C-alpha atoms as a PDB file:
ATOM      1  CA  MET A   1       0.000   0.000   0.000  1.00  0.00           C
ATOM      2  CA  LEU A   2       1.321   3.446  -0.915  1.00  0.00           C
ATOM      3  CA  LYS A   3       0.945   6.070   1.840  1.00  0.00           C
ATOM      4  CA  LEU A   4       1.315   9.814   1.990  1.00  0.00           C
ATOM      5  CA  ASP A   5       3.957  10.987   4.448  1.00  0.00           C
ATOM      6  CA  GLN A   6       2.544  11.414   7.933  1.00  0.00           C
ATOM      7  CA  VAL A   7       3.649  14.905   8.967  1.00  0.00           C
ATOM      8  CA  PRO A   8       1.854  17.496  11.173  1.00  0.00           C
ATOM      9  CA  ARG A   9       1.107  19.909   8.322  1.00  0.00           C
ATOM     10  CA  ILE A  10      -0.914  20.067   5.132  1.00  0.00           C
ATOM     11  CA  VAL A  11       1.081  18.938   2.124  1.00  0.00           C
ATOM     12  CA  VAL A  12      -0.033  19.388  -1.462  1.00  0.00           C
ATOM     13  CA  ARG A  13       0.423  16.402  -3.761  1.00  0.00           C
ATOM     14  CA  GLN A  14      -0.375  16.772  -7.441  1.00  0.00           C
ATOM     15  CA  ALA A  15      -1.860  13.783  -9.235  1.00  0.00           C
ATOM     16  CA  GLN A  16      -1.597  13.763 -13.022  1.00  0.00           C
ATOM     17  CA  VAL A  17      -4.510  11.428 -13.673  1.00  0.00           C
ATOM     18  CA  LEU A  18      -4.300  11.465 -17.475  1.00  0.00           C
ATOM     19  CA  ARG A  19      -3.554  14.196 -19.955  1.00  0.00           C
ATOM     20  CA  ARG A  20      -6.488  12.810 -21.909  1.00  0.00           C
ATOM     21  CA  THR A  21      -8.702   9.742 -22.027  1.00  0.00           C
ATOM     22  CA  ASP A  22      -9.661   7.779 -25.109  1.00  0.00           C
ATOM     23  CA  LEU A  23     -13.353   8.332 -24.332  1.00  0.00           C
ATOM     24  CA  ARG A  24     -14.991   9.451 -27.584  1.00  0.00           C
ATOM     25  CA  ALA A  25     -18.487   9.848 -29.029  1.00  0.00           C
ATOM     26  CA  THR A  26     -19.809  10.186 -32.557  1.00  0.00           C
ATOM     27  CA  LEU A  27     -23.210  10.788 -34.152  1.00  0.00           C
ATOM     28  CA  ARG A  28     -24.538   8.729 -37.048  1.00  0.00           C
ATOM     29  CA  PRO A  29     -27.768   9.574 -38.902  1.00  0.00           C
ATOM     30  CA  GLN A  30     -29.611   6.336 -39.636  1.00  0.00           C
ATOM     31  CA  GLU A  31     -33.051   6.877 -41.143  1.00  0.00           C
ATOM     32  CA  MET A  32     -35.629   9.548 -42.038  1.00  0.00           C
ATOM     33  CA  HIS A  33     -39.225   8.710 -42.924  1.00  0.00           C
ATOM     34  CA  TRP A  34     -41.746  11.334 -44.126  1.00  0.00           C
ATOM     35  CA  GLU A  35     -45.526  11.098 -44.264  1.00  0.00           C
ATOM     36  CA  VAL A  36     -48.129  13.451 -45.731  1.00  0.00           C
ATOM     37  CA  VAL A  37     -51.305  13.265 -43.617  1.00  0.00           C
ATOM     38  CA  ASP A  38     -54.728  14.424 -44.849  1.00  0.00           C
ATOM     39  CA  GLY A  39     -57.411  16.241 -42.859  1.00  0.00           C
ATOM     40  CA  ALA A  40     -58.900  12.931 -41.720  1.00  0.00           C
ATOM     41  CA  GLY A  41     -55.579  11.738 -40.274  1.00  0.00           C
ATOM     42  CA  ARG A  42     -54.816   9.287 -43.111  1.00  0.00           C
ATOM     43  CA  VAL A  43     -51.316   8.916 -44.575  1.00  0.00           C
ATOM     44  CA  VAL A  44     -51.665   9.709 -48.291  1.00  0.00           C
ATOM     45  CA  ALA A  45     -47.971   9.712 -49.272  1.00  0.00           C
ATOM     46  CA  GLN A  46     -44.771   8.524 -47.625  1.00  0.00           C
ATOM     47  CA  ALA A  47     -41.211   7.375 -48.279  1.00  0.00           C
ATOM     48  CA  GLU A  48     -37.979   6.448 -46.585  1.00  0.00           C
ATOM     49  CA  SER A  49     -35.393   9.110 -47.389  1.00  0.00           C
ATOM     50  CA  PRO A  50     -31.932   7.593 -47.860  1.00  0.00           C
ATOM     51  CA  ILE A  51     -29.519   9.126 -45.370  1.00  0.00           C
ATOM     52  CA  HIS A  52     -26.022  10.265 -46.301  1.00  0.00           C
ATOM     53  CA  ASN A  53     -23.537  12.196 -44.160  1.00  0.00           C
ATOM     54  CA  LEU A  54     -25.926  14.912 -43.025  1.00  0.00           C
ATOM     55  CA  VAL A  55     -24.241  16.053 -39.842  1.00  0.00           C
ATOM     56  CA  LEU A  56     -23.172  19.663 -40.363  1.00  0.00           C
ATOM     57  CA  LYS A  57     -19.760  21.015 -39.370  1.00  0.00           C
ATOM     58  CA  GLN A  58     -21.283  23.441 -36.859  1.00  0.00           C
ATOM     59  CA  THR A  59     -22.812  20.463 -35.052  1.00  0.00           C
ATOM     60  CA  TRP A  60     -19.366  19.117 -34.187  1.00  0.00           C
ATOM     61  CA  ASP A  61     -17.828  22.551 -33.624  1.00  0.00           C
ATOM     62  CA  ASP A  62     -20.526  24.232 -31.529  1.00  0.00           C
ATOM     63  CA  LEU A  63     -23.945  22.622 -31.137  1.00  0.00           C
ATOM     64  CA  ILE A  64     -22.913  19.465 -29.259  1.00  0.00           C
ATOM     65  CA  ALA A  65     -21.042  21.565 -26.693  1.00  0.00           C
ATOM     66  CA  SER A  66     -24.185  23.648 -26.117  1.00  0.00           C
ATOM     67  CA  HIS A  67     -26.970  21.070 -26.418  1.00  0.00           C
ATOM     68  CA  GLY A  68     -25.443  17.613 -26.050  1.00  0.00           C
ATOM     69  CA  PHE A  69     -26.483  14.780 -28.354  1.00  0.00           C
ATOM     70  CA  LYS A  70     -30.167  14.251 -27.639  1.00  0.00           C
ATOM     71  CA  GLY A  71     -30.856  17.977 -27.758  1.00  0.00           C
ATOM     72  CA  LEU A  72     -29.652  18.295 -31.361  1.00  0.00           C
ATOM     73  CA  THR A  73     -32.987  17.071 -32.708  1.00  0.00           C
ATOM     74  CA  ASN A  74     -35.480  18.922 -30.517  1.00  0.00           C
ATOM     75  CA  TYR A  75     -37.089  20.626 -33.546  1.00  0.00           C
ATOM     76  CA  ALA A  76     -37.892  19.479 -37.068  1.00  0.00           C
ATOM     77  CA  VAL A  77     -37.469  22.136 -39.777  1.00  0.00           C
ATOM     78  CA  VAL A  78     -38.774  22.267 -43.386  1.00  0.00           C
ATOM     79  CA  GLY A  79     -38.351  24.653 -46.289  1.00  0.00           C
ATOM     80  CA  THR A  80     -38.443  25.223 -50.040  1.00  0.00           C
ATOM     81  CA  GLY A  81     -34.744  25.377 -51.006  1.00  0.00           C
ATOM     82  CA  THR A  82     -33.056  23.026 -53.481  1.00  0.00           C
ATOM     83  CA  SER A  83     -29.273  23.453 -53.073  1.00  0.00           C
ATOM     84  CA  ASP A  84     -27.216  20.301 -52.719  1.00  0.00           C
ATOM     85  CA  PRO A  85     -26.553  19.455 -49.054  1.00  0.00           C
ATOM     86  CA  ALA A  86     -23.060  20.305 -47.782  1.00  0.00           C
ATOM     87  CA  ASP A  87     -21.622  20.005 -44.296  1.00  0.00           C
ATOM     88  CA  THR A  88     -20.628  23.684 -44.280  1.00  0.00           C
ATOM     89  CA  GLN A  89     -24.279  24.776 -44.427  1.00  0.00           C
ATOM     90  CA  THR A  90     -25.863  26.153 -41.261  1.00  0.00           C
ATOM     91  CA  GLN A  91     -29.529  26.618 -42.197  1.00  0.00           C
ATOM     92  CA  LEU A  92     -32.163  25.796 -44.816  1.00  0.00           C
ATOM     93  CA  ASP A  93     -32.136  27.744 -48.071  1.00  0.00           C
ATOM     94  CA  SER A  94     -35.647  29.010 -47.395  1.00  0.00           C
ATOM     95  CA  GLU A  95     -37.191  27.987 -44.081  1.00  0.00           C
ATOM     96  CA  VAL A  96     -40.988  27.676 -43.903  1.00  0.00           C
ATOM     97  CA  ALA A  97     -41.627  26.242 -40.432  1.00  0.00           C
ATOM     98  CA  ARG A  98     -40.235  24.296 -37.494  1.00  0.00           C
ATOM     99  CA  THR A  99     -41.975  22.274 -34.817  1.00  0.00           C
ATOM    100  CA  SER A 100     -41.426  20.265 -31.642  1.00  0.00           C
ATOM    101  CA  THR A 101     -44.948  18.776 -31.669  1.00  0.00           C
ATOM    102  CA  VAL A 102     -45.207  15.008 -31.144  1.00  0.00           C
ATOM    103  CA  PRO A 103     -48.439  13.819 -32.795  1.00  0.00           C
ATOM    104  CA  SER A 104     -51.163  12.223 -30.701  1.00  0.00           C
ATOM    105  CA  GLY A 105     -50.645   8.495 -30.274  1.00  0.00           C
ATOM    106  CA  GLU A 106     -46.936   8.651 -31.113  1.00  0.00           C
ATOM    107  CA  SER A 107     -43.919   8.684 -28.818  1.00  0.00           C
ATOM    108  CA  GLU A 108     -40.208   9.397 -28.996  1.00  0.00           C
ATOM    109  CA  THR A 109     -37.640   6.960 -27.643  1.00  0.00           C
ATOM    110  CA  VAL A 110     -34.010   6.608 -26.599  1.00  0.00           C
ATOM    111  CA  ILE A 111     -32.849   2.992 -26.481  1.00  0.00           C
ATOM    112  CA  GLY A 112     -29.690   0.932 -26.364  1.00  0.00           C
ATOM    113  CA  ALA A 113     -28.813  -0.444 -29.800  1.00  0.00           C
ATOM    114  CA  GLY A 114     -25.815  -2.616 -29.006  1.00  0.00           C
ATOM    115  CA  SER A 115     -22.776  -2.247 -26.802  1.00  0.00           C
ATOM    116  CA  GLY A 116     -21.811   1.404 -26.821  1.00  0.00           C
ATOM    117  CA  GLU A 117     -24.573   2.374 -29.298  1.00  0.00           C
ATOM    118  CA  PHE A 118     -27.753   4.328 -28.531  1.00  0.00           C
ATOM    119  CA  GLU A 119     -30.627   5.137 -30.881  1.00  0.00           C
ATOM    120  CA  ILE A 120     -32.773   8.267 -30.626  1.00  0.00           C
ATOM    121  CA  THR A 121     -36.104   8.309 -32.479  1.00  0.00           C
ATOM    122  CA  ARG A 122     -37.866  11.628 -33.037  1.00  0.00           C
ATOM    123  CA  VAL A 123     -41.464  11.973 -34.282  1.00  0.00           C
ATOM    124  CA  LYS A 124     -42.611  15.501 -35.146  1.00  0.00           C
ATOM    125  CA  GLN A 125     -45.679  16.787 -36.989  1.00  0.00           C
ATOM    126  CA  PHE A 126     -46.232  20.086 -38.789  1.00  0.00           C
ATOM    127  CA  SER A 127     -49.846  21.277 -38.740  1.00  0.00           C
ATOM    128  CA  SER A 128     -51.787  22.197 -41.851  1.00  0.00           C
ATOM    129  CA  SER A 129     -51.629  25.835 -40.758  1.00  0.00           C
ATOM    130  CA  GLN A 130     -47.828  25.599 -40.925  1.00  0.00           C
ATOM    131  CA  VAL A 131     -47.313  23.648 -44.159  1.00  0.00           C
ATOM    132  CA  GLY A 132     -50.699  23.326 -45.899  1.00  0.00           C
ATOM    133  CA  GLY A 133     -50.519  24.604 -49.487  1.00  0.00           C
ATOM    134  CA  GLN A 134     -46.685  24.572 -49.470  1.00  0.00           C
ATOM    135  CA  ASN A 135     -44.241  22.967 -51.918  1.00  0.00           C
ATOM    136  CA  LEU A 136     -41.623  21.526 -49.579  1.00  0.00           C
ATOM    137  CA  THR A 137     -38.223  20.386 -50.809  1.00  0.00           C
ATOM    138  CA  GLU A 138     -35.780  20.469 -47.873  1.00  0.00           C
ATOM    139  CA  TRP A 139     -35.663  19.471 -44.212  1.00  0.00           C
ATOM    140  CA  GLY A 140     -33.393  19.626 -41.184  1.00  0.00           C
ATOM    141  CA  TRP A 141     -33.229  19.257 -37.410  1.00  0.00           C
ATOM    142  CA  SER A 142     -32.268  21.841 -34.835  1.00  0.00           C
ATOM    143  CA  PRO A 143     -31.839  22.081 -31.055  1.00  0.00           C
ATOM    144  CA  VAL A 144     -33.717  25.403 -30.785  1.00  0.00           C
ATOM    145  CA  SER A 145     -37.085  26.928 -31.678  1.00  0.00           C
ATOM    146  CA  SER A 146     -35.880  30.086 -33.412  1.00  0.00           C
ATOM    147  CA  ALA A 147     -35.330  30.196 -37.174  1.00  0.00           C
ATOM    148  CA  GLY A 148     -31.804  30.787 -38.381  1.00  0.00           C
ATOM    149  CA  ALA A 149     -28.320  29.327 -38.682  1.00  0.00           C
ATOM    150  CA  ASN A 150     -28.702  26.623 -36.031  1.00  0.00           C
ATOM    151  CA  LEU A 151     -29.268  23.343 -37.890  1.00  0.00           C
ATOM    152  CA  ALA A 152     -27.590  20.104 -36.829  1.00  0.00           C
ATOM    153  CA  VAL A 153     -28.457  18.315 -40.106  1.00  0.00           C
ATOM    154  CA  ARG A 154     -29.858  19.296 -43.517  1.00  0.00           C
ATOM    155  CA  GLU A 155     -31.118  17.296 -46.501  1.00  0.00           C
ATOM    156  CA  LEU A 156     -33.547  17.348 -49.405  1.00  0.00           C
ATOM    157  CA  PHE A 157     -36.754  15.357 -49.463  1.00  0.00           C
ATOM    158  CA  ARG A 158     -36.137  12.266 -51.556  1.00  0.00           C
ATOM    159  CA  ASP A 159     -38.114   9.320 -52.803  1.00  0.00           C
ATOM    160  CA  SER A 160     -37.217   5.717 -52.018  1.00  0.00           C
ATOM    161  CA  ASN A 161     -34.725   5.763 -54.916  1.00  0.00           C
ATOM    162  CA  GLY A 162     -32.854   8.701 -53.448  1.00  0.00           C
ATOM    163  CA  ASP A 163     -34.029  11.245 -56.000  1.00  0.00           C
ATOM    164  CA  PRO A 164     -35.061  14.739 -54.791  1.00  0.00           C
ATOM    165  CA  VAL A 165     -38.835  15.280 -54.701  1.00  0.00           C
ATOM    166  CA  THR A 166     -41.206  18.147 -54.001  1.00  0.00           C
ATOM    167  CA  LEU A 167     -43.925  17.519 -51.426  1.00  0.00           C
ATOM    168  CA  THR A 168     -46.957  19.490 -52.602  1.00  0.00           C
ATOM    169  CA  LEU A 169     -49.433  19.658 -49.735  1.00  0.00           C
ATOM    170  CA  ASP A 170     -53.113  20.530 -49.954  1.00  0.00           C
ATOM    171  CA  ALA A 171     -54.406  23.244 -47.669  1.00  0.00           C
ATOM    172  CA  ASP A 172     -55.754  20.719 -45.127  1.00  0.00           C
ATOM    173  CA  GLN A 173     -52.715  18.416 -45.118  1.00  0.00           C
ATOM    174  CA  SER A 174     -49.997  18.121 -42.483  1.00  0.00           C
ATOM    175  CA  LEU A 175     -46.514  16.599 -42.541  1.00  0.00           C
ATOM    176  CA  ARG A 176     -44.952  14.072 -40.170  1.00  0.00           C
ATOM    177  CA  LEU A 177     -41.203  13.393 -39.931  1.00  0.00           C
ATOM    178  CA  ILE A 178     -39.748  10.334 -38.197  1.00  0.00           C
ATOM    179  CA  TYR A 179     -35.996  10.575 -37.724  1.00  0.00           C
ATOM    180  CA  LYS A 180     -33.536   8.148 -36.171  1.00  0.00           C
ATOM    181  CA  SER A 181     -29.942   8.823 -35.218  1.00  0.00           C
ATOM    182  CA  ARG A 182     -27.327   6.857 -33.313  1.00  0.00           C
ATOM    183  CA  ILE A 183     -24.712   7.944 -30.817  1.00  0.00           C
ATOM    184  CA  VAL A 184     -21.723   5.615 -30.594  1.00  0.00           C
ATOM    185  CA  VAL A 185     -19.488   5.719 -27.515  1.00  0.00           C
ATOM    186  CA  SER A 186     -16.018   4.194 -27.461  1.00  0.00           C
ATOM    187  CA  PRO A 187     -14.390   2.345 -25.843  1.00  0.00           C
ATOM    188  CA  GLU A 188     -17.474   0.214 -25.310  1.00  0.00           C
ATOM    189  CA  PRO A 189     -18.906   0.486 -21.784  1.00  0.00           C
ATOM    190  CA  VAL A 190     -17.380  -1.875 -19.231  1.00  0.00           C
ATOM    191  CA  THR A 191     -14.247  -2.250 -21.373  1.00  0.00           C
ATOM    192  CA  GLY A 192     -11.049  -1.513 -19.486  1.00  0.00           C
ATOM    193  CA  VAL A 193      -8.347   0.616 -21.142  1.00  0.00           C
ATOM    194  CA  SER A 194      -4.821   0.839 -19.734  1.00  0.00           C
ATOM    195  CA  ALA A 195      -3.738   4.147 -18.211  1.00  0.00           C
ATOM    196  CA  SER A 196      -0.943   5.503 -16.032  1.00  0.00           C
ATOM    197  CA  PHE A 197      -1.382   7.887 -13.119  1.00  0.00           C
ATOM    198  CA  ASP A 198       1.501   9.871 -11.630  1.00  0.00           C
ATOM    199  CA  LEU A 199       1.365  11.221  -8.088  1.00  0.00           C
ATOM    200  CA  GLN A 200       4.228  13.513  -7.197  1.00  0.00           C
ATOM    201  CA  ASN A 201       6.414  12.259  -4.343  1.00  0.00           C
ATOM    202  CA  VAL A 202       4.455   9.014  -4.224  1.00  0.00           C
ATOM    203  CA  GLY A 203       4.919   7.121  -7.472  1.00  0.00           C
ATOM    204  CA  THR A 204       3.336   5.905 -10.703  1.00  0.00           C
ATOM    205  CA  PHE A 205       0.108   3.935 -10.720  1.00  0.00           C
ATOM    206  CA  ASN A 206      -0.405   1.674 -13.728  1.00  0.00           C
ATOM    207  CA  GLY A 207      -4.143   1.202 -13.858  1.00  0.00           C
ATOM    208  CA  THR A 208      -7.287   1.157 -15.964  1.00  0.00           C
ATOM    209  CA  PHE A 209     -10.191   3.392 -16.888  1.00  0.00           C
ATOM    210  CA  TRP A 210     -13.636   2.350 -18.107  1.00  0.00           C
ATOM    211  CA  LEU A 211     -17.151   3.665 -18.642  1.00  0.00           C
ATOM    212  CA  SER A 212     -19.658   1.984 -16.356  1.00  0.00           C
ATOM    213  CA  GLN A 213     -23.156   0.832 -17.323  1.00  0.00           C
ATOM    214  CA  LYS A 214     -25.355  -0.057 -14.376  1.00  0.00           C
ATOM    215  CA  GLU A 215     -28.408   1.313 -16.214  1.00  0.00           C
ATOM    216  CA  ALA A 216     -29.119   0.956 -19.934  1.00  0.00           C
ATOM    217  CA  LEU A 217     -28.721   4.627 -20.876  1.00  0.00           C
ATOM    218  CA  ALA A 218     -26.146   5.580 -18.240  1.00  0.00           C
ATOM    219  CA  PRO A 219     -23.139   5.810 -20.614  1.00  0.00           C
ATOM    220  CA  LEU A 220     -25.060   8.077 -23.001  1.00  0.00           C
ATOM    221  CA  ALA A 221     -26.319  10.259 -20.152  1.00  0.00           C
ATOM    222  CA  PHE A 222     -22.771  10.645 -18.817  1.00  0.00           C
ATOM    223  CA  VAL A 223     -21.252  11.484 -22.206  1.00  0.00           C
ATOM    224  CA  ASP A 224     -24.080  13.929 -22.982  1.00  0.00           C
ATOM    225  CA  ALA A 225     -23.570  15.778 -19.684  1.00  0.00           C
ATOM    226  CA  VAL A 226     -19.806  15.986 -20.158  1.00  0.00           C
ATOM    227  CA  ALA A 227     -20.238  17.272 -23.721  1.00  0.00           C
ATOM    228  CA  ARG A 228     -22.476  20.060 -22.381  1.00  0.00           C
ATOM    229  CA  GLY A 229     -19.950  20.897 -19.682  1.00  0.00           C
ATOM    230  CA  LYS A 230     -22.409  20.221 -16.858  1.00  0.00           C
ATOM    231  CA  ALA A 231     -20.710  20.388 -13.465  1.00  0.00           C
ATOM    232  CA  GLY A 232     -22.765  19.633 -10.369  1.00  0.00           C
ATOM    233  CA  GLY A 233     -22.765  17.651  -7.169  1.00  0.00           C
ATOM    234  CA  TYR A 234     -24.807  15.153  -5.202  1.00  0.00           C
ATOM    235  CA  GLY A 235     -25.131  17.483  -2.231  1.00  0.00           C
ATOM    236  CA  THR A 236     -26.562  20.317  -4.336  1.00  0.00           C
ATOM    237  CA  ALA A 237     -29.127  18.129  -6.149  1.00  0.00           C
ATOM    238  CA  SER A 238     -28.131  19.674  -9.468  1.00  0.00           C
ATOM    239  CA  GLU A 239     -27.456  18.009 -12.787  1.00  0.00           C
ATOM    240  CA  GLY A 240     -23.796  17.505 -13.555  1.00  0.00           C
ATOM    241  CA  ILE A 241     -20.536  15.658 -13.014  1.00  0.00           C
ATOM    242  CA  ALA A 242     -18.848  15.284  -9.617  1.00  0.00           C
ATOM    243  CA  LEU A 243     -15.740  13.472  -8.353  1.00  0.00           C
ATOM    244  CA  TYR A 244     -16.085  10.552  -5.963  1.00  0.00           C
ATOM    245  CA  LEU A 245     -13.660   8.263  -4.202  1.00  0.00           C
ATOM    246  CA  LYS A 246     -13.311   4.730  -5.492  1.00  0.00           C
ATOM    247  CA  LYS A 247     -13.115   2.871  -2.201  1.00  0.00           C
ATOM    248  CA  THR A 248     -13.109  -0.768  -3.308  1.00  0.00           C
ATOM    249  CA  ASP A 249     -10.851  -2.878  -5.490  1.00  0.00           C
ATOM    250  CA  LEU A 250     -13.540  -3.490  -8.110  1.00  0.00           C
ATOM    251  CA  VAL A 251     -12.299  -3.737 -11.684  1.00  0.00           C
ATOM    252  CA  ALA A 252     -14.035  -3.062 -14.999  1.00  0.00           C
ATOM    253  CA  ALA A 253     -17.575  -4.350 -14.579  1.00  0.00           C
ATOM    254  CA  VAL A 254     -21.138  -3.125 -14.196  1.00  0.00           C
ATOM    255  CA  HIS A 255     -20.897  -0.966 -11.096  1.00  0.00           C
ATOM    256  CA  GLY A 256     -22.797   2.022  -9.844  1.00  0.00           C
ATOM    257  CA  PRO A 257     -22.748   4.755  -7.216  1.00  0.00           C
ATOM    258  CA  GLY A 258     -23.295   2.308  -4.366  1.00  0.00           C
ATOM    259  CA  ASP A 259     -19.697   1.208  -4.855  1.00  0.00           C
ATOM    260  CA  VAL A 260     -18.257   4.644  -4.128  1.00  0.00           C
ATOM    261  CA  ASP A 261     -18.260   7.208  -1.332  1.00  0.00           C
ATOM    262  CA  TYR A 262     -20.868   9.722  -2.444  1.00  0.00           C
ATOM    263  CA  ILE A 263     -21.196  11.584   0.859  1.00  0.00           C
ATOM    264  CA  ASN A 264     -17.939  13.508   0.577  1.00  0.00           C
ATOM    265  CA  GLU A 265     -18.023  14.199  -3.134  1.00  0.00           C
ATOM    266  CA  VAL A 266     -15.875  16.934  -4.648  1.00  0.00           C
ATOM    267  CA  GLY A 267     -17.170  19.379  -7.248  1.00  0.00           C
ATOM    268  CA  VAL A 268     -15.520  19.773 -10.631  1.00  0.00           C
ATOM    269  CA  SER A 269     -15.456  22.468 -13.281  1.00  0.00           C
ATOM    270  CA  PHE A 270     -14.813  22.406 -17.001  1.00  0.00           C
ATOM    271  CA  ALA A 271     -12.346  24.542 -18.925  1.00  0.00           C
ATOM    272  CA  SER A 272     -13.929  27.105 -21.240  1.00  0.00           C
ATOM    273  CA  TYR A 273     -14.973  25.759 -24.619  1.00  0.00           C
ATOM    274  CA  SER A 274     -13.904  27.409 -27.885  1.00  0.00           C
ATOM    275  CA  SER A 275     -15.592  26.785 -31.221  1.00  0.00           C
ATOM    276  CA  GLY A 276     -13.998  23.801 -32.934  1.00  0.00           C
ATOM    277  CA  ASP A 277     -12.483  22.239 -29.795  1.00  0.00           C
ATOM    278  CA  ARG A 278     -14.677  19.126 -30.149  1.00  0.00           C
ATOM    279  CA  ALA A 279     -13.591  18.027 -26.666  1.00  0.00           C
ATOM    280  CA  ARG A 280     -14.182  18.771 -22.993  1.00  0.00           C
ATOM    281  CA  THR A 281     -11.392  19.293 -20.469  1.00  0.00           C
ATOM    282  CA  LEU A 282     -11.709  19.245 -16.687  1.00  0.00           C
ATOM    283  CA  ASN A 283      -9.931  21.975 -14.752  1.00  0.00           C
ATOM    284  CA  ASP A 284      -7.574  21.160 -11.886  1.00  0.00           C
ATOM    285  CA  ILE A 285      -9.500  19.507  -9.052  1.00  0.00           C
ATOM    286  CA  THR A 286      -8.476  20.193  -5.454  1.00  0.00           C
ATOM    287  CA  VAL A 287      -9.331  17.520  -2.879  1.00  0.00           C
ATOM    288  CA  ASP A 288      -8.714  19.421   0.344  1.00  0.00           C
ATOM    289  CA  GLU A 289      -7.711  18.098   3.753  1.00  0.00           C
ATOM    290  CA  ASN A 290     -11.342  17.627   4.826  1.00  0.00           C
ATOM    291  CA  HIS A 291     -12.533  15.480   1.906  1.00  0.00           C
ATOM    292  CA  LEU A 292     -12.173  11.876   0.820  1.00  0.00           C
ATOM    293  CA  ASN A 293      -9.934  10.841   3.691  1.00  0.00           C
ATOM    294  CA  ALA A 294      -9.736   7.097   3.261  1.00  0.00           C
ATOM    295  CA  THR A 295      -7.904   4.421   1.345  1.00  0.00           C
ATOM    296  CA  TRP A 296      -8.149   5.296  -2.350  1.00  0.00           C
ATOM    297  CA  TYR A 297      -8.393   2.623  -5.017  1.00  0.00           C
ATOM    298  CA  GLY A 298      -8.948   5.259  -7.684  1.00  0.00           C
ATOM    299  CA  LEU A 299     -11.372   7.951  -8.804  1.00  0.00           C
ATOM    300  CA  VAL A 300     -14.888   7.967 -10.204  1.00  0.00           C
ATOM    301  CA  PHE A 301     -16.564  10.779 -12.134  1.00  0.00           C
ATOM    302  CA  ILE A 302     -20.297  10.285 -11.581  1.00  0.00           C
ATOM    303  CA  TYR A 303     -23.196  11.885 -13.461  1.00  0.00           C
ATOM    304  CA  ASN A 304     -25.851  13.244 -11.096  1.00  0.00           C
ATOM    305  CA  ASN A 305     -29.052  13.286 -13.157  1.00  0.00           C
ATOM    306  CA  TYR A 306     -31.206  15.950 -11.535  1.00  0.00           C
ATOM    307  CA  GLY A 307     -33.423  17.501 -14.195  1.00  0.00           C
ATOM    308  CA  GLY A 308     -31.359  15.958 -16.987  1.00  0.00           C
ATOM    309  CA  PRO A 309     -32.633  14.990 -20.460  1.00  0.00           C
ATOM    310  CA  TYR A 310     -32.791  11.220 -19.967  1.00  0.00           C
ATOM    311  CA  GLY A 311     -35.950  10.770 -17.956  1.00  0.00           C
ATOM    312  CA  ASN A 312     -34.663  10.301 -14.392  1.00  0.00           C
ATOM    313  CA  SER A 313     -35.823  12.974 -11.946  1.00  0.00           C
ATOM    314  CA  GLY A 314     -32.796  12.469  -9.705  1.00  0.00           C
ATOM    315  CA  GLY A 315     -30.032  10.123  -8.695  1.00  0.00           C
ATOM    316  CA  ASP A 316     -26.666   8.971  -9.939  1.00  0.00           C
ATOM    317  CA  LEU A 317     -26.186   7.363 -13.351  1.00  0.00           C
ATOM    318  CA  ASP A 318     -22.703   5.865 -13.232  1.00  0.00           C
ATOM    319  CA  GLY A 319     -19.740   7.439 -14.929  1.00  0.00           C
ATOM    320  CA  LEU A 320     -16.064   7.159 -15.762  1.00  0.00           C
ATOM    321  CA  TRP A 321     -13.952   5.006 -13.444  1.00  0.00           C
ATOM    322  CA  PHE A 322     -10.191   5.221 -12.892  1.00  0.00           C
ATOM    323  CA  ASP A 323      -8.584   2.288 -11.086  1.00  0.00           C
ATOM    324  CA  TRP A 324      -5.174   3.115  -9.577  1.00  0.00           C
ATOM    325  CA  GLY A 325      -3.825  -0.392  -9.887  1.00  0.00           C
ATOM    326  CA  GLY A 326      -2.832   0.034  -6.221  1.00  0.00           C
ATOM    327  CA  THR A 327      -4.016   1.863  -3.111  1.00  0.00           C
ATOM    328  CA  LEU A 328      -3.307   5.215  -1.542  1.00  0.00           C
ATOM    329  CA  ASP A 329      -4.068   6.469   1.971  1.00  0.00           C
ATOM    330  CA  LYS A 330      -5.235  10.079   2.264  1.00  0.00           C
ATOM    331  CA  ASP A 331      -5.781  11.814   5.602  1.00  0.00           C
ATOM    332  CA  ASN A 332      -6.682  15.253   6.952  1.00  0.00           C
ATOM    333  CA  LEU A 333      -3.045  16.371   6.829  1.00  0.00           C
ATOM    334  CA  HIS A 334      -2.917  16.258   3.058  1.00  0.00           C
ATOM    335  CA  ARG A 335      -4.447  17.967   0.072  1.00  0.00           C
ATOM    336  CA  LEU A 336      -4.407  16.541  -3.443  1.00  0.00           C
ATOM    337  CA  ILE A 337      -4.596  18.455  -6.717  1.00  0.00           C
ATOM    338  CA  ILE A 338      -5.628  16.431  -9.755  1.00  0.00           C
ATOM    339  CA  ASN A 339      -4.213  18.187 -12.789  1.00  0.00           C
ATOM    340  CA  GLN A 340      -6.322  19.334 -15.733  1.00  0.00           C
ATOM    341  CA  PHE A 341      -7.063  16.650 -18.325  1.00  0.00           C
ATOM    342  CA  GLN A 342      -9.265  16.014 -21.373  1.00  0.00           C
ATOM    343  CA  ILE A 343     -12.141  13.727 -20.408  1.00  0.00           C
ATOM    344  CA  LEU A 344     -14.105  13.423 -23.702  1.00  0.00           C
ATOM    345  CA  SER A 345     -13.773  14.147 -27.419  1.00  0.00           C
ATOM    346  CA  TRP A 346     -16.250  13.868 -30.302  1.00  0.00           C
ATOM    347  CA  GLY A 347     -16.321  14.063 -34.090  1.00  0.00           C
ATOM    348  CA  PRO A 348     -17.209  12.172 -37.283  1.00  0.00           C
END
């Protein structure tokens, strides 16, 4: 067991946890289905629109950092433009309407779709007052309600052969869009990745980090919160990430907050985000002499889901685990500073 020197004063030890992790997320459009609905609620025309690489550059550079992954598709948007889609675009050529309305009898879902993959299904309907009598040619999805340069994706309406089409709606007709996208997280949850941890004046710890998955959507919820730079704490009952002590010798497996000390959690903060960073970095974390005084087996960054976007009104949803590969005693004579490091990156 490695121990901090027992001296009658507070000593600062700096722990370089990692300069960066290999934790990464990407977004993959999967499917878009459109339906024209008449005044009696009957579907009178529909098609599956083939999906290409629709994710716009500003999504990676800015929108994910502001809205996370689920929030990118809060609003469906339609218009009358015909330019070829390009990832440098930021808005429709000619926007007609946008909506967040889920039609009666339909529901939206977020589900696991394989290890490390999560599928979001959106169902939105434009009313006849919004799109009746229009000739619609283009569509997109946005995180916000206001018109403008804030699209996450853009495409043209196409038939089942992939050819552009114009949807000509009668005055009493409405339009329904059903859109699926996938978020892929790597390494896969519960997969250990080797890492080294240096603690000044103590030694090097050759350990492991992994993303836990005690609940089905926990890895996605954690990654989404980190992407948005949400910092919070159990004691404040606010949504965000907090640091906890790993107080057992558990290794990469399905573990949750019950395996850590979540009474004396330590708050964290994120470094400022600049457009194009496509990553989140944690600032230095100070564990003072009054916190987490015990035998350390590592660190855990837990997502506290209070008011978050994944359906849980409160409670902890797992997180990122760092196993020291050894143990370390901390007491009230010592303060630790965990140096700044990149915790998550994203991109195509």
